[in-house]
Amino acid sequence: MNAIVSVSDIETYLLERIAKDLELDGMDSIQVDTDLSDMGLSSVLISFIEGDIEAWLRIEIPPALLFHTSNIREAAKAISELQQTSTAGPVVA
């Protein structure tokens, strides 16, 4: 059986990645319930984040999933649900 990455780990990844990409002082600058539309993420940046998550978890993410979820918590839950139906499993570094 393939390992499933927890919602919490996906949330942490998203917090770290968004904080880095937006050049914030750290992931403590944003919360999992912060509205994604208020963060100033460009569509290009969101596409890169989604692509990196696809490569990490070996799942296909519908285009603009992050645009269609209200916050990081909801995005992480949606991504977690997608990996439940995937057969490949995450890439372990």
PDB file of N, CA and C in Angstrom:
ATOM      1  N   MET A   1       0.846  -1.189   0.000  1.00  0.00           N
ATOM      2  CA  MET A   1       0.000   0.000   0.000  1.00  0.00           C
ATOM      3  C   MET A   1       0.886   1.244   0.000  1.00  0.00           C
ATOM      4  N   ASN A   2       0.498   2.254  -0.748  1.00  0.00           N
ATOM      5  CA  ASN A   2       1.259   3.489  -0.836  1.00  0.00           C
ATOM      6  C   ASN A   2       1.044   4.356   0.393  1.00  0.00           C
ATOM      7  N   ALA A   3       2.105   5.048   0.799  1.00  0.00           N
ATOM      8  CA  ALA A   3       2.015   5.971   1.929  1.00  0.00           C
ATOM      9  C   ALA A   3       1.194   7.179   1.517  1.00  0.00           C
ATOM     10  N   ILE A   4       0.340   7.596   2.425  1.00  0.00           N
ATOM     11  CA  ILE A   4      -0.469   8.791   2.195  1.00  0.00           C
ATOM     12  C   ILE A   4       0.113   9.923   3.036  1.00  0.00           C
ATOM     13  N   VAL A   5       0.369  11.047   2.419  1.00  0.00           N
ATOM     14  CA  VAL A   5       0.867  12.217   3.121  1.00  0.00           C
ATOM     15  C   VAL A   5      -0.318  12.848   3.846  1.00  0.00           C
ATOM     16  N   SER A   6      -0.115  13.192   5.097  1.00  0.00           N
ATOM     17  CA  SER A   6      -1.208  13.724   5.911  1.00  0.00           C
ATOM     18  C   SER A   6      -1.627  15.119   5.460  1.00  0.00           C
ATOM     19  N   VAL A   7      -2.850  15.473   5.813  1.00  0.00           N
ATOM     20  CA  VAL A   7      -3.361  16.819   5.529  1.00  0.00           C
ATOM     21  C   VAL A   7      -2.444  17.849   6.189  1.00  0.00           C
ATOM     22  N   SER A   8      -2.019  17.561   7.398  1.00  0.00           N
ATOM     23  CA  SER A   8      -1.135  18.471   8.127  1.00  0.00           C
ATOM     24  C   SER A   8       0.179  18.696   7.381  1.00  0.00           C
ATOM     25  N   ASP A   9       0.755  17.635   6.825  1.00  0.00           N
ATOM     26  CA  ASP A   9       2.003  17.773   6.064  1.00  0.00           C
ATOM     27  C   ASP A   9       1.782  18.566   4.774  1.00  0.00           C
ATOM     28  N   ILE A  10       0.640  18.382   4.152  1.00  0.00           N
ATOM     29  CA  ILE A  10       0.321  19.149   2.937  1.00  0.00           C
ATOM     30  C   ILE A  10       0.121  20.620   3.305  1.00  0.00           C
ATOM     31  N   GLU A  11      -0.566  20.884   4.407  1.00  0.00           N
ATOM     32  CA  GLU A  11      -0.740  22.268   4.881  1.00  0.00           C
ATOM     33  C   GLU A  11       0.618  22.920   5.120  1.00  0.00           C
ATOM     34  N   THR A  12       1.514  22.197   5.790  1.00  0.00           N
ATOM     35  CA  THR A  12       2.850  22.733   6.086  1.00  0.00           C
ATOM     36  C   THR A  12       3.597  23.031   4.796  1.00  0.00           C
ATOM     37  N   TYR A  13       3.518  22.109   3.834  1.00  0.00           N
ATOM     38  CA  TYR A  13       4.174  22.342   2.547  1.00  0.00           C
ATOM     39  C   TYR A  13       3.635  23.623   1.901  1.00  0.00           C
ATOM     40  N   LEU A  14       2.318  23.744   1.868  1.00  0.00           N
ATOM     41  CA  LEU A  14       1.709  24.921   1.240  1.00  0.00           C
ATOM     42  C   LEU A  14       2.093  26.200   1.968  1.00  0.00           C
ATOM     43  N   LEU A  15       2.068  26.181   3.300  1.00  0.00           N
ATOM     44  CA  LEU A  15       2.457  27.363   4.075  1.00  0.00           C
ATOM     45  C   LEU A  15       3.900  27.762   3.778  1.00  0.00           C
ATOM     46  N   GLU A  16       4.797  26.785   3.814  1.00  0.00           N
ATOM     47  CA  GLU A  16       6.213  27.076   3.552  1.00  0.00           C
ATOM     48  C   GLU A  16       6.426  27.574   2.131  1.00  0.00           C
ATOM     49  N   ARG A  17       5.794  26.909   1.180  1.00  0.00           N
ATOM     50  CA  ARG A  17       5.983  27.265  -0.221  1.00  0.00           C
ATOM     51  C   ARG A  17       5.439  28.653  -0.525  1.00  0.00           C
ATOM     52  N   ILE A  18       4.231  28.940  -0.046  1.00  0.00           N
ATOM     53  CA  ILE A  18       3.632  30.248  -0.310  1.00  0.00           C
ATOM     54  C   ILE A  18       4.425  31.353   0.379  1.00  0.00           C
ATOM     55  N   ALA A  19       4.851  31.118   1.616  1.00  0.00           N
ATOM     56  CA  ALA A  19       5.654  32.118   2.328  1.00  0.00           C
ATOM     57  C   ALA A  19       6.953  32.398   1.570  1.00  0.00           C
ATOM     58  N   LYS A  20       7.592  31.345   1.077  1.00  0.00           N
ATOM     59  CA  LYS A  20       8.836  31.510   0.321  1.00  0.00           C
ATOM     60  C   LYS A  20       8.584  32.258  -0.984  1.00  0.00           C
ATOM     61  N   ASP A  21       7.564  31.824  -1.726  1.00  0.00           N
ATOM     62  CA  ASP A  21       7.295  32.430  -3.026  1.00  0.00           C
ATOM     63  C   ASP A  21       6.863  33.887  -2.916  1.00  0.00           C
ATOM     64  N   LEU A  22       6.195  34.230  -1.823  1.00  0.00           N
ATOM     65  CA  LEU A  22       5.764  35.610  -1.622  1.00  0.00           C
ATOM     66  C   LEU A  22       6.790  36.422  -0.832  1.00  0.00           C
ATOM     67  N   GLU A  23       7.939  35.786  -0.553  1.00  0.00           N
ATOM     68  CA  GLU A  23       9.038  36.430   0.169  1.00  0.00           C
ATOM     69  C   GLU A  23       8.587  36.991   1.511  1.00  0.00           C
ATOM     70  N   LEU A  24       7.814  36.180   2.247  1.00  0.00           N
ATOM     71  CA  LEU A  24       7.371  36.563   3.581  1.00  0.00           C
ATOM     72  C   LEU A  24       8.439  36.141   4.590  1.00  0.00           C
ATOM     73  N   ASP A  25       8.340  36.633   5.804  1.00  0.00           N
ATOM     74  CA  ASP A  25       9.341  36.341   6.837  1.00  0.00           C
ATOM     75  C   ASP A  25       9.341  34.885   7.281  1.00  0.00           C
ATOM     76  N   GLY A  26       8.335  34.157   6.961  1.00  0.00           N
ATOM     77  CA  GLY A  26       8.251  32.753   7.335  1.00  0.00           C
ATOM     78  C   GLY A  26       6.819  32.297   7.251  1.00  0.00           C
ATOM     79  N   MET A  27       6.631  30.999   7.436  1.00  0.00           N
ATOM     80  CA  MET A  27       5.280  30.474   7.300  1.00  0.00           C
ATOM     81  C   MET A  27       4.370  30.944   8.416  1.00  0.00           C
ATOM     82  N   ASP A  28       4.936  31.497   9.499  1.00  0.00           N
ATOM     83  CA  ASP A  28       4.105  32.041  10.571  1.00  0.00           C
ATOM     84  C   ASP A  28       3.384  33.311  10.134  1.00  0.00           C
ATOM     85  N   SER A  29       3.788  33.861   8.991  1.00  0.00           N
ATOM     86  CA  SER A  29       3.159  35.081   8.478  1.00  0.00           C
ATOM     87  C   SER A  29       1.759  34.836   7.926  1.00  0.00           C
ATOM     88  N   ILE A  30       1.436  33.559   7.641  1.00  0.00           N
ATOM     89  CA  ILE A  30       0.115  33.208   7.113  1.00  0.00           C
ATOM     90  C   ILE A  30      -0.446  32.037   7.903  1.00  0.00           C
ATOM     91  N   GLN A  31      -1.738  31.896   7.853  1.00  0.00           N
ATOM     92  CA  GLN A  31      -2.430  30.831   8.569  1.00  0.00           C
ATOM     93  C   GLN A  31      -3.150  29.932   7.570  1.00  0.00           C
ATOM     94  N   VAL A  32      -3.460  28.708   7.996  1.00  0.00           N
ATOM     95  CA  VAL A  32      -4.124  27.765   7.104  1.00  0.00           C
ATOM     96  C   VAL A  32      -5.525  28.199   6.715  1.00  0.00           C
ATOM     97  N   ASP A  33      -6.127  29.094   7.489  1.00  0.00           N
ATOM     98  CA  ASP A  33      -7.476  29.550   7.155  1.00  0.00           C
ATOM     99  C   ASP A  33      -7.484  30.920   6.477  1.00  0.00           C
ATOM    100  N   THR A  34      -6.296  31.419   6.095  1.00  0.00           N
ATOM    101  CA  THR A  34      -6.211  32.673   5.351  1.00  0.00           C
ATOM    102  C   THR A  34      -6.784  32.461   3.950  1.00  0.00           C
ATOM    103  N   ASP A  35      -7.613  33.377   3.522  1.00  0.00           N
ATOM    104  CA  ASP A  35      -8.227  33.283   2.201  1.00  0.00           C
ATOM    105  C   ASP A  35      -7.149  33.385   1.126  1.00  0.00           C
ATOM    106  N   LEU A  36      -7.072  32.377   0.268  1.00  0.00           N
ATOM    107  CA  LEU A  36      -6.047  32.346  -0.772  1.00  0.00           C
ATOM    108  C   LEU A  36      -6.124  33.554  -1.704  1.00  0.00           C
ATOM    109  N   SER A  37      -7.315  34.032  -1.954  1.00  0.00           N
ATOM    110  CA  SER A  37      -7.451  35.182  -2.856  1.00  0.00           C
ATOM    111  C   SER A  37      -6.878  36.454  -2.243  1.00  0.00           C
ATOM    112  N   ASP A  38      -6.684  36.480  -0.936  1.00  0.00           N
ATOM    113  CA  ASP A  38      -6.112  37.645  -0.261  1.00  0.00           C
ATOM    114  C   ASP A  38      -4.583  37.609  -0.200  1.00  0.00           C
ATOM    115  N   MET A  39      -3.981  36.522  -0.668  1.00  0.00           N
ATOM    116  CA  MET A  39      -2.534  36.366  -0.554  1.00  0.00           C
ATOM    117  C   MET A  39      -1.749  36.972  -1.703  1.00  0.00           C
ATOM    118  N   GLY A  40      -2.405  37.294  -2.791  1.00  0.00           N
ATOM    119  CA  GLY A  40      -1.707  37.885  -3.921  1.00  0.00           C
ATOM    120  C   GLY A  40      -0.936  36.894  -4.763  1.00  0.00           C
ATOM    121  N   LEU A  41      -1.390  35.646  -4.798  1.00  0.00           N
ATOM    122  CA  LEU A  41      -0.736  34.627  -5.614  1.00  0.00           C
ATOM    123  C   LEU A  41      -1.118  34.796  -7.081  1.00  0.00           C
ATOM    124  N   SER A  42      -0.136  34.824  -7.945  1.00  0.00           N
ATOM    125  CA  SER A  42      -0.426  34.913  -9.376  1.00  0.00           C
ATOM    126  C   SER A  42      -0.849  33.548  -9.899  1.00  0.00           C
ATOM    127  N   SER A  43      -1.532  33.550 -11.028  1.00  0.00           N
ATOM    128  CA  SER A  43      -1.944  32.280 -11.626  1.00  0.00           C
ATOM    129  C   SER A  43      -0.729  31.451 -12.032  1.00  0.00           C
ATOM    130  N   VAL A  44       0.341  32.085 -12.439  1.00  0.00           N
ATOM    131  CA  VAL A  44       1.565  31.370 -12.808  1.00  0.00           C
ATOM    132  C   VAL A  44       2.166  30.696 -11.584  1.00  0.00           C
ATOM    133  N   LEU A  45       2.227  31.419 -10.490  1.00  0.00           N
ATOM    134  CA  LEU A  45       2.773  30.855  -9.263  1.00  0.00           C
ATOM    135  C   LEU A  45       1.930  29.680  -8.781  1.00  0.00           C
ATOM    136  N   ILE A  46       0.634  29.822  -8.842  1.00  0.00           N
ATOM    137  CA  ILE A  46      -0.255  28.727  -8.441  1.00  0.00           C
ATOM    138  C   ILE A  46      -0.032  27.510  -9.333  1.00  0.00           C
ATOM    139  N   SER A  47       0.154  27.718 -10.619  1.00  0.00           N
ATOM    140  CA  SER A  47       0.422  26.603 -11.532  1.00  0.00           C
ATOM    141  C   SER A  47       1.713  25.891 -11.160  1.00  0.00           C
ATOM    142  N   PHE A  48       2.751  26.652 -10.795  1.00  0.00           N
ATOM    143  CA  PHE A  48       4.015  26.041 -10.378  1.00  0.00           C
ATOM    144  C   PHE A  48       3.831  25.239  -9.087  1.00  0.00           C
ATOM    145  N   ILE A  49       3.113  25.787  -8.134  1.00  0.00           N
ATOM    146  CA  ILE A  49       2.875  25.088  -6.870  1.00  0.00           C
ATOM    147  C   ILE A  49       2.118  23.795  -7.125  1.00  0.00           C
ATOM    148  N   GLU A  50       1.064  23.870  -7.929  1.00  0.00           N
ATOM    149  CA  GLU A  50       0.289  22.664  -8.235  1.00  0.00           C
ATOM    150  C   GLU A  50       1.145  21.619  -8.946  1.00  0.00           C
ATOM    151  N   GLY A  51       1.999  22.062  -9.872  1.00  0.00           N
ATOM    152  CA  GLY A  51       2.882  21.136 -10.575  1.00  0.00           C
ATOM    153  C   GLY A  51       3.863  20.460  -9.631  1.00  0.00           C
ATOM    154  N   ASP A  52       4.399  21.211  -8.688  1.00  0.00           N
ATOM    155  CA  ASP A  52       5.327  20.634  -7.715  1.00  0.00           C
ATOM    156  C   ASP A  52       4.624  19.635  -6.799  1.00  0.00           C
ATOM    157  N   ILE A  53       3.390  19.925  -6.426  1.00  0.00           N
ATOM    158  CA  ILE A  53       2.620  18.992  -5.598  1.00  0.00           C
ATOM    159  C   ILE A  53       2.328  17.718  -6.385  1.00  0.00           C
ATOM    160  N   GLU A  54       2.000  17.874  -7.664  1.00  0.00           N
ATOM    161  CA  GLU A  54       1.766  16.693  -8.509  1.00  0.00           C
ATOM    162  C   GLU A  54       3.003  15.805  -8.555  1.00  0.00           C
ATOM    163  N   ALA A  55       4.166  16.421  -8.724  1.00  0.00           N
ATOM    164  CA  ALA A  55       5.413  15.653  -8.779  1.00  0.00           C
ATOM    165  C   ALA A  55       5.717  14.993  -7.431  1.00  0.00           C
ATOM    166  N   TRP A  56       5.478  15.710  -6.344  1.00  0.00           N
ATOM    167  CA  TRP A  56       5.751  15.196  -5.003  1.00  0.00           C
ATOM    168  C   TRP A  56       4.839  14.022  -4.652  1.00  0.00           C
ATOM    169  N   LEU A  57       3.538  14.216  -4.869  1.00  0.00           N
ATOM    170  CA  LEU A  57       2.569  13.208  -4.444  1.00  0.00           C
ATOM    171  C   LEU A  57       2.202  12.223  -5.545  1.00  0.00           C
ATOM    172  N   ARG A  58       2.705  12.494  -6.760  1.00  0.00           N
ATOM    173  CA  ARG A  58       2.402  11.642  -7.921  1.00  0.00           C
ATOM    174  C   ARG A  58       0.896  11.524  -8.153  1.00  0.00           C
ATOM    175  N   ILE A  59       0.262  12.655  -8.146  1.00  0.00           N
ATOM    176  CA  ILE A  59      -1.181  12.705  -8.414  1.00  0.00           C
ATOM    177  C   ILE A  59      -1.428  13.779  -9.453  1.00  0.00           C
ATOM    178  N   GLU A  60      -2.572  13.706 -10.081  1.00  0.00           N
ATOM    179  CA  GLU A  60      -2.983  14.755 -11.013  1.00  0.00           C
ATOM    180  C   GLU A  60      -3.927  15.694 -10.274  1.00  0.00           C
ATOM    181  N   ILE A  61      -3.589  16.961 -10.319  1.00  0.00           N
ATOM    182  CA  ILE A  61      -4.414  17.974  -9.668  1.00  0.00           C
ATOM    183  C   ILE A  61      -5.187  18.716 -10.751  1.00  0.00           C
ATOM    184  N   PRO A  62      -6.491  18.842 -10.588  1.00  0.00           N
ATOM    185  CA  PRO A  62      -7.262  19.598 -11.578  1.00  0.00           C
ATOM    186  C   PRO A  62      -6.723  21.031 -11.688  1.00  0.00           C
ATOM    187  N   PRO A  63      -6.702  21.573 -12.891  1.00  0.00           N
ATOM    188  CA  PRO A  63      -6.216  22.943 -13.068  1.00  0.00           C
ATOM    189  C   PRO A  63      -6.938  23.908 -12.127  1.00  0.00           C
ATOM    190  N   ALA A  64      -6.154  24.775 -11.526  1.00  0.00           N
ATOM    191  CA  ALA A  64      -6.654  25.843 -10.656  1.00  0.00           C
ATOM    192  C   ALA A  64      -7.345  25.333  -9.389  1.00  0.00           C
ATOM    193  N   LEU A  65      -6.957  24.164  -8.905  1.00  0.00           N
ATOM    194  CA  LEU A  65      -7.519  23.669  -7.648  1.00  0.00           C
ATOM    195  C   LEU A  65      -7.358  24.702  -6.544  1.00  0.00           C
ATOM    196  N   LEU A  66      -6.181  25.326  -6.487  1.00  0.00           N
ATOM    197  CA  LEU A  66      -5.954  26.321  -5.435  1.00  0.00           C
ATOM    198  C   LEU A  66      -6.839  27.549  -5.601  1.00  0.00           C
ATOM    199  N   PHE A  67      -7.249  27.843  -6.819  1.00  0.00           N
ATOM    200  CA  PHE A  67      -8.176  28.958  -7.028  1.00  0.00           C
ATOM    201  C   PHE A  67      -9.588  28.598  -6.594  1.00  0.00           C
ATOM    202  N   HIS A  68      -9.901  27.315  -6.630  1.00  0.00           N
ATOM    203  CA  HIS A  68     -11.265  26.879  -6.322  1.00  0.00           C
ATOM    204  C   HIS A  68     -11.453  26.480  -4.869  1.00  0.00           C
ATOM    205  N   THR A  69     -10.395  26.563  -4.076  1.00  0.00           N
ATOM    206  CA  THR A  69     -10.522  26.309  -2.644  1.00  0.00           C
ATOM    207  C   THR A  69     -10.341  27.628  -1.917  1.00  0.00           C
ATOM    208  N   SER A  70     -11.002  27.771  -0.795  1.00  0.00           N
ATOM    209  CA  SER A  70     -11.010  29.070  -0.139  1.00  0.00           C
ATOM    210  C   SER A  70      -9.745  29.380   0.651  1.00  0.00           C
ATOM    211  N   ASN A  71      -9.055  28.349   1.158  1.00  0.00           N
ATOM    212  CA  ASN A  71      -7.877  28.609   1.973  1.00  0.00           C
ATOM    213  C   ASN A  71      -6.939  27.401   1.935  1.00  0.00           C
ATOM    214  N   ILE A  72      -5.820  27.509   2.620  1.00  0.00           N
ATOM    215  CA  ILE A  72      -4.822  26.439   2.615  1.00  0.00           C
ATOM    216  C   ILE A  72      -5.391  25.163   3.219  1.00  0.00           C
ATOM    217  N   ARG A  73      -6.148  25.293   4.290  1.00  0.00           N
ATOM    218  CA  ARG A  73      -6.737  24.111   4.934  1.00  0.00           C
ATOM    219  C   ARG A  73      -7.624  23.342   3.952  1.00  0.00           C
ATOM    220  N   GLU A  74      -8.489  24.055   3.240  1.00  0.00           N
ATOM    221  CA  GLU A  74      -9.379  23.410   2.268  1.00  0.00           C
ATOM    222  C   GLU A  74      -8.595  22.839   1.090  1.00  0.00           C
ATOM    223  N   ALA A  75      -7.557  23.538   0.657  1.00  0.00           N
ATOM    224  CA  ALA A  75      -6.722  23.034  -0.435  1.00  0.00           C
ATOM    225  C   ALA A  75      -6.028  21.745  -0.017  1.00  0.00           C
ATOM    226  N   ALA A  76      -5.484  21.725   1.196  1.00  0.00           N
ATOM    227  CA  ALA A  76      -4.799  20.521   1.689  1.00  0.00           C
ATOM    228  C   ALA A  76      -5.764  19.347   1.790  1.00  0.00           C
ATOM    229  N   LYS A  77      -6.974  19.602   2.252  1.00  0.00           N
ATOM    230  CA  LYS A  77      -7.978  18.533   2.331  1.00  0.00           C
ATOM    231  C   LYS A  77      -8.317  18.001   0.942  1.00  0.00           C
ATOM    232  N   ALA A  78      -8.486  18.896  -0.022  1.00  0.00           N
ATOM    233  CA  ALA A  78      -8.808  18.481  -1.393  1.00  0.00           C
ATOM    234  C   ALA A  78      -7.669  17.673  -1.996  1.00  0.00           C
ATOM    235  N   ILE A  79      -6.437  18.119  -1.756  1.00  0.00           N
ATOM    236  CA  ILE A  79      -5.279  17.397  -2.275  1.00  0.00           C
ATOM    237  C   ILE A  79      -5.181  16.026  -1.614  1.00  0.00           C
ATOM    238  N   SER A  80      -5.431  15.964  -0.320  1.00  0.00           N
ATOM    239  CA  SER A  80      -5.411  14.694   0.398  1.00  0.00           C
ATOM    240  C   SER A  80      -6.445  13.721  -0.169  1.00  0.00           C
ATOM    241  N   GLU A  81      -7.627  14.222  -0.467  1.00  0.00           N
ATOM    242  CA  GLU A  81      -8.668  13.378  -1.059  1.00  0.00           C
ATOM    243  C   GLU A  81      -8.237  12.851  -2.424  1.00  0.00           C
ATOM    244  N   LEU A  82      -7.536  13.682  -3.198  1.00  0.00           N
ATOM    245  CA  LEU A  82      -7.053  13.242  -4.507  1.00  0.00           C
ATOM    246  C   LEU A  82      -6.037  12.113  -4.365  1.00  0.00           C
ATOM    247  N   GLN A  83      -5.186  12.213  -3.357  1.00  0.00           N
ATOM    248  CA  GLN A  83      -4.183  11.152  -3.225  1.00  0.00           C
ATOM    249  C   GLN A  83      -4.800   9.850  -2.732  1.00  0.00           C
ATOM    250  N   GLN A  84      -5.961   9.908  -2.124  1.00  0.00           N
ATOM    251  CA  GLN A  84      -6.659   8.685  -1.690  1.00  0.00           C
ATOM    252  C   GLN A  84      -7.028   7.810  -2.903  1.00  0.00           C
ATOM    253  N   THR A  85      -7.275   8.449  -4.028  1.00  0.00           N
ATOM    254  CA  THR A  85      -7.690   7.708  -5.229  1.00  0.00           C
ATOM    255  C   THR A  85      -6.523   7.429  -6.180  1.00  0.00           C
ATOM    256  N   SER A  86      -5.341   7.963  -5.856  1.00  0.00           N
ATOM    257  CA  SER A  86      -4.178   7.756  -6.705  1.00  0.00           C
ATOM    258  C   SER A  86      -3.520   6.420  -6.375  1.00  0.00           C
ATOM    259  N   THR A  87      -2.861   5.839  -7.356  1.00  0.00           N
ATOM    260  CA  THR A  87      -2.209   4.545  -7.147  1.00  0.00           C
ATOM    261  C   THR A  87      -0.691   4.649  -7.067  1.00  0.00           C
ATOM    262  N   ALA A  88      -0.110   5.783  -7.412  1.00  0.00           N
ATOM    263  CA  ALA A  88       1.343   5.879  -7.492  1.00  0.00           C
ATOM    264  C   ALA A  88       2.005   6.100  -6.132  1.00  0.00           C
ATOM    265  N   GLY A  89       1.538   7.044  -5.360  1.00  0.00           N
ATOM    266  CA  GLY A  89       2.132   7.345  -4.059  1.00  0.00           C
ATOM    267  C   GLY A  89       3.149   8.454  -4.141  1.00  0.00           C
ATOM    268  N   PRO A  90       3.501   9.038  -2.981  1.00  0.00           N
ATOM    269  CA  PRO A  90       4.408  10.194  -2.963  1.00  0.00           C
ATOM    270  C   PRO A  90       5.846   9.814  -3.280  1.00  0.00           C
ATOM    271  N   VAL A  91       6.599  10.796  -3.736  1.00  0.00           N
ATOM    272  CA  VAL A  91       8.012  10.629  -3.962  1.00  0.00           C
ATOM    273  C   VAL A  91       8.710  10.917  -2.644  1.00  0.00           C
ATOM    274  N   VAL A  92       9.509   9.965  -2.175  1.00  0.00           N
ATOM    275  CA  VAL A  92      10.219  10.130  -0.906  1.00  0.00           C
ATOM    276  C   VAL A  92      11.642  10.538  -1.218  1.00  0.00           C
ATOM    277  N   ALA A  93      12.060  11.658  -0.625  1.00  0.00           N
ATOM    278  CA  ALA A  93      13.421  12.171  -0.884  1.00  0.00           C
ATOM    279  C   ALA A  93      14.453  11.435  -0.075  1.00  0.00           C
TER     280      ALA A  93
END
